[in-house]
Amino acid sequence: YLDHVKENTEYLSQHIRRHSLSVVNIIGTSKSCTGAFIFADELARRFPKVKFNVFAFSAYTTLDKRFYDEHQLNKYLPGSLLGVWENSEKYASALARYGDSTQLAKANNISLILLYPEYSRGGETALALRMQGHANVRFVPLPVRTHSIIAPFWHKLLEGQEIEVFEGVVRPLPPQDYAYFSGLQDRSDYTFDLYHLLDDTERFLERLEAANKDYIRTLGKAPY
């Protein structure tokens, strides 16, 4: 997503024009949110009458190494992000700024929704909160520790099932996180999946925030 930005933007632009789209949904997860931010920013400027909804799961909202240093987050970062910084010739500071989520705040036709694990040790909360104050940004913290929170919104979880909980780390969800996600998936009143998130976003987020409060109330304490 940091390579061939121009070519990929042209490819996406062709689809928007061909189908006369009025709304485009873009999903990113973990560090690949950088690609979502770049393409949303590029496309929003090309198509000012199109609404771009960016859904960022566990987003690394900046590639700027200084932020991670200042907040002492380097210990928990994926190796692939460290690799971006190690290749200083290819990934210059200008490109790091180019992939920053704050770019999206400059466009009136972009909405950014950040879903992130509230109790993760990987710094997602700090990275989400750095976007605080922008009118087009909405935060939705999930009461879990697992970094890869998109998986339970994508497919049904089975007890003991192994998923990629962090980059390259495959194991079962922690018991607290499995209890939370399986509780969402078993609710009869609403289905918490990506399709409902995209098709009925406001209702989905309202129900998710209500479910989060119910979960904490039932526990009687924070899960971690």
Protein backbone atom coordinates (compact mmCIF):
# COMPACT_ATOMS: atom_id res chain seq x y z
CA TYR A 1 0.00 0.00 0.00
CA LEU A 2 3.00 2.31 0.25
CA ASP A 3 4.18 1.09 -3.14
CA HIS A 4 2.41 1.92 -6.40
CA VAL A 5 0.03 4.44 -4.79
CA LYS A 6 -0.59 6.19 -8.10
CA GLU A 7 -1.39 2.98 -9.99
CA ASN A 8 -3.70 1.66 -7.29
CA THR A 9 -5.49 4.99 -6.98
CA GLU A 10 -6.12 5.00 -10.74
CA TYR A 11 -7.49 1.46 -10.53
CA LEU A 12 -9.91 2.38 -7.73
CA SER A 13 -10.90 5.59 -9.52
CA GLN A 14 -11.93 3.60 -12.59
CA HIS A 15 -14.37 1.55 -10.53
CA ILE A 16 -15.90 4.64 -8.89
CA ARG A 17 -16.47 6.24 -12.28
CA ARG A 18 -17.69 3.07 -14.01
CA HIS A 19 -20.32 2.36 -11.37
CA SER A 20 -21.17 6.01 -10.55
CA LEU A 21 -20.67 5.33 -6.86
CA SER A 22 -21.94 7.85 -4.34
CA VAL A 23 -20.63 6.04 -1.25
CA VAL A 24 -17.39 4.07 -0.88
CA ASN A 25 -16.53 2.00 2.19
CA ILE A 26 -12.86 1.31 2.91
CA ILE A 27 -11.75 -1.18 5.57
CA GLY A 28 -8.29 -1.34 7.09
CA THR A 29 -6.85 -3.35 9.94
CA SER A 30 -3.65 -2.97 11.93
CA LYS A 31 -0.86 -1.27 9.97
CA SER A 32 -2.66 -1.83 6.65
CA CYS A 33 -4.93 1.03 7.78
CA THR A 34 -2.16 3.20 6.35
CA GLY A 35 -3.30 2.10 2.90
CA ALA A 36 -6.92 2.88 3.77
CA PHE A 37 -5.89 6.37 4.89
CA ILE A 38 -3.81 7.04 1.78
CA PHE A 39 -6.43 5.88 -0.72
CA ALA A 40 -9.30 7.59 1.10
CA ASP A 41 -7.37 10.85 1.09
CA GLU A 42 -6.42 10.54 -2.59
CA LEU A 43 -9.89 9.49 -3.74
CA ALA A 44 -11.78 12.04 -1.61
CA ARG A 45 -9.91 14.84 -3.34
CA ARG A 46 -10.63 13.36 -6.77
CA PHE A 47 -14.31 12.74 -6.03
CA PRO A 48 -15.54 15.55 -3.74
CA LYS A 49 -19.19 14.51 -4.21
CA VAL A 50 -18.57 10.90 -3.12
CA LYS A 51 -18.80 9.99 0.59
CA PHE A 52 -15.91 7.84 1.85
CA ASN A 53 -16.43 5.84 5.04
CA VAL A 54 -13.18 4.49 6.47
CA PHE A 55 -13.46 1.70 9.04
CA ALA A 56 -10.13 1.15 10.80
CA PHE A 57 -9.73 -1.86 13.08
CA SER A 58 -6.83 -1.66 15.57
CA ALA A 59 -5.41 1.12 13.46
CA TYR A 60 -1.83 2.29 13.50
CA THR A 61 -2.90 5.86 12.80
CA THR A 62 0.57 7.13 11.96
CA LEU A 63 3.86 5.84 10.59
CA ASP A 64 5.79 8.62 12.26
CA LYS A 65 8.35 6.91 14.51
CA ARG A 66 8.50 9.89 16.86
CA PHE A 67 5.00 9.23 18.16
CA TYR A 68 5.87 5.65 19.10
CA ASP A 69 9.10 6.75 20.74
CA GLU A 70 7.40 9.47 22.78
CA HIS A 71 4.69 7.08 24.02
CA GLN A 72 7.09 4.15 24.55
CA LEU A 73 5.13 1.86 22.26
CA ASN A 74 8.01 0.30 20.33
CA LYS A 75 8.09 -2.82 22.49
CA TYR A 76 4.71 -3.99 21.23
CA LEU A 77 4.84 -3.15 17.53
CA PRO A 78 4.68 -5.69 14.68
CA GLY A 79 7.95 -6.45 12.97
CA SER A 80 6.63 -5.30 9.61
CA LEU A 81 6.13 -1.78 10.95
CA LEU A 82 9.66 -1.77 12.31
CA GLY A 83 10.76 -2.80 8.82
CA VAL A 84 9.18 0.35 7.41
CA TRP A 85 11.44 2.49 9.59
CA GLU A 86 14.53 0.43 8.87
CA ASN A 87 14.24 1.10 5.13
CA SER A 88 14.78 4.85 5.38
CA GLU A 89 15.54 5.25 1.68
CA LYS A 90 12.27 3.69 0.55
CA TYR A 91 10.03 4.92 3.36
CA ALA A 92 11.11 8.52 3.84
CA SER A 93 9.55 10.78 6.45
CA ALA A 94 7.48 12.49 3.75
CA LEU A 95 5.78 9.20 2.92
CA ALA A 96 5.24 8.49 6.60
CA ARG A 97 3.37 11.78 6.89
CA TYR A 98 1.46 10.97 3.71
CA GLY A 99 0.02 7.84 5.35
CA ASP A 100 -1.11 9.66 8.49
CA SER A 101 -4.77 9.49 9.48
CA THR A 102 -4.85 13.20 10.32
CA GLN A 103 -4.83 13.83 6.56
CA LEU A 104 -8.43 12.59 6.50
CA ALA A 105 -9.58 15.41 8.77
CA LYS A 106 -9.01 17.84 5.92
CA ALA A 107 -11.81 16.39 3.79
CA ASN A 108 -15.51 17.06 4.32
CA ASN A 109 -16.49 13.88 2.48
CA ILE A 110 -14.58 11.42 4.71
CA SER A 111 -15.87 9.72 7.83
CA LEU A 112 -13.35 7.79 9.94
CA ILE A 113 -14.51 5.15 12.41
CA LEU A 114 -11.83 3.71 14.70
CA LEU A 115 -12.57 0.38 16.35
CA TYR A 116 -9.80 -0.65 18.70
CA PRO A 117 -9.05 -2.99 21.64
CA GLU A 118 -9.23 -0.88 24.78
CA TYR A 119 -6.96 -3.11 26.90
CA SER A 120 -4.33 -4.03 24.35
CA ARG A 121 -0.73 -3.41 25.33
CA GLY A 122 0.11 -2.50 21.75
CA GLY A 123 -0.78 1.16 21.97
CA GLU A 124 -3.90 1.15 19.80
CA THR A 125 -5.76 3.31 22.33
CA ALA A 126 -3.05 5.98 22.29
CA LEU A 127 -2.98 5.86 18.51
CA ALA A 128 -6.75 6.26 18.30
CA LEU A 129 -6.91 9.05 20.86
CA ARG A 130 -4.37 11.11 18.91
CA MET A 131 -7.22 11.67 16.44
CA GLN A 132 -9.42 13.12 19.17
CA GLY A 133 -10.94 16.48 18.35
CA HIS A 134 -11.60 15.85 14.66
CA ALA A 135 -15.29 16.22 13.85
CA ASN A 136 -15.31 13.42 11.30
CA VAL A 137 -13.78 10.79 13.62
CA ARG A 138 -15.69 8.37 15.86
CA PHE A 139 -14.04 6.14 18.47
CA VAL A 140 -15.43 2.75 19.44
CA PRO A 141 -13.30 1.00 22.09
CA LEU A 142 -13.91 -2.72 22.54
CA PRO A 143 -13.36 -4.19 26.04
CA VAL A 144 -10.76 -6.73 24.86
CA ARG A 145 -6.99 -7.14 24.71
CA THR A 146 -6.63 -9.01 21.41
CA HIS A 147 -5.14 -6.88 18.62
CA SER A 148 -6.79 -8.62 15.64
CA ILE A 149 -10.36 -7.65 16.46
CA ILE A 150 -11.63 -7.82 12.89
CA ALA A 151 -11.78 -11.64 12.83
CA PRO A 152 -14.91 -12.01 15.02
CA PHE A 153 -16.77 -9.53 12.79
CA TRP A 154 -15.79 -11.57 9.76
CA HIS A 155 -16.60 -15.14 10.76
CA LYS A 156 -18.22 -17.19 13.51
CA LEU A 157 -15.91 -18.08 16.40
CA LEU A 158 -15.66 -21.59 17.80
CA GLU A 159 -14.48 -22.27 21.33
CA GLY A 160 -10.77 -23.03 21.36
CA GLN A 161 -10.45 -21.96 17.72
CA GLU A 162 -7.08 -20.51 16.83
CA ILE A 163 -6.94 -17.14 15.08
CA GLU A 164 -4.14 -14.70 14.34
CA VAL A 165 -4.34 -12.59 17.49
CA PHE A 166 -1.31 -10.51 16.50
CA GLU A 167 0.94 -10.36 13.48
CA GLY A 168 2.18 -13.91 12.96
CA VAL A 169 0.91 -15.07 16.39
CA VAL A 170 -1.79 -17.74 16.02
CA ARG A 171 -3.53 -19.06 19.13
CA PRO A 172 -6.97 -19.22 20.77
CA LEU A 173 -8.50 -15.99 22.02
CA PRO A 174 -7.99 -15.21 25.71
CA PRO A 175 -11.03 -16.46 27.71
CA GLN A 176 -12.24 -12.91 28.45
CA ASP A 177 -12.07 -11.90 24.80
CA TYR A 178 -13.76 -15.08 23.60
CA ALA A 179 -16.57 -14.49 26.13
CA TYR A 180 -17.06 -10.96 24.82
CA PHE A 181 -17.01 -11.77 21.11
CA SER A 182 -19.07 -14.94 21.38
CA GLY A 183 -21.59 -12.94 23.41
CA LEU A 184 -21.89 -10.47 20.54
CA GLN A 185 -22.27 -13.24 18.00
CA ASP A 186 -24.95 -15.03 20.04
CA ARG A 187 -27.21 -11.99 20.50
CA SER A 188 -30.55 -12.55 18.81
CA ASP A 189 -31.47 -8.88 18.43
CA TYR A 190 -28.72 -7.86 16.04
CA THR A 191 -25.94 -9.46 14.05
CA PHE A 192 -22.52 -7.96 14.66
CA ASP A 193 -20.69 -8.50 11.38
CA LEU A 194 -18.99 -6.42 8.71
CA TYR A 195 -22.04 -6.43 6.46
CA HIS A 196 -24.27 -4.81 9.08
CA LEU A 197 -21.46 -2.39 9.94
CA LEU A 198 -21.29 -1.20 6.34
CA ASP A 199 -25.01 -1.28 5.52
CA ASP A 200 -26.43 0.17 8.75
CA THR A 201 -23.47 1.89 10.37
CA GLU A 202 -25.18 4.17 12.89
CA ARG A 203 -27.46 1.45 14.22
CA PHE A 204 -24.57 -1.00 14.34
CA LEU A 205 -22.40 1.38 16.38
CA GLU A 206 -25.22 2.30 18.73
CA ARG A 207 -25.94 -1.38 19.41
CA LEU A 208 -22.24 -2.16 19.79
CA GLU A 209 -21.72 0.62 22.32
CA ALA A 210 -24.80 -0.56 24.24
CA ALA A 211 -23.52 -4.16 24.18
CA ASN A 212 -20.15 -2.99 25.51
CA LYS A 213 -21.85 -1.28 28.46
CA ASP A 214 -23.98 -4.36 29.16
CA TYR A 215 -20.89 -6.56 29.08
CA ILE A 216 -19.00 -4.43 31.62
CA ARG A 217 -22.11 -4.08 33.78
CA THR A 218 -22.55 -7.86 33.83
CA LEU A 219 -18.91 -8.40 34.73
CA GLY A 220 -19.10 -5.82 37.47
CA LYS A 221 -15.51 -4.83 36.73
CA ALA A 222 -13.10 -4.17 33.89
CA PRO A 223 -12.12 -7.39 32.08
CA TYR A 224 -8.38 -6.67 32.53
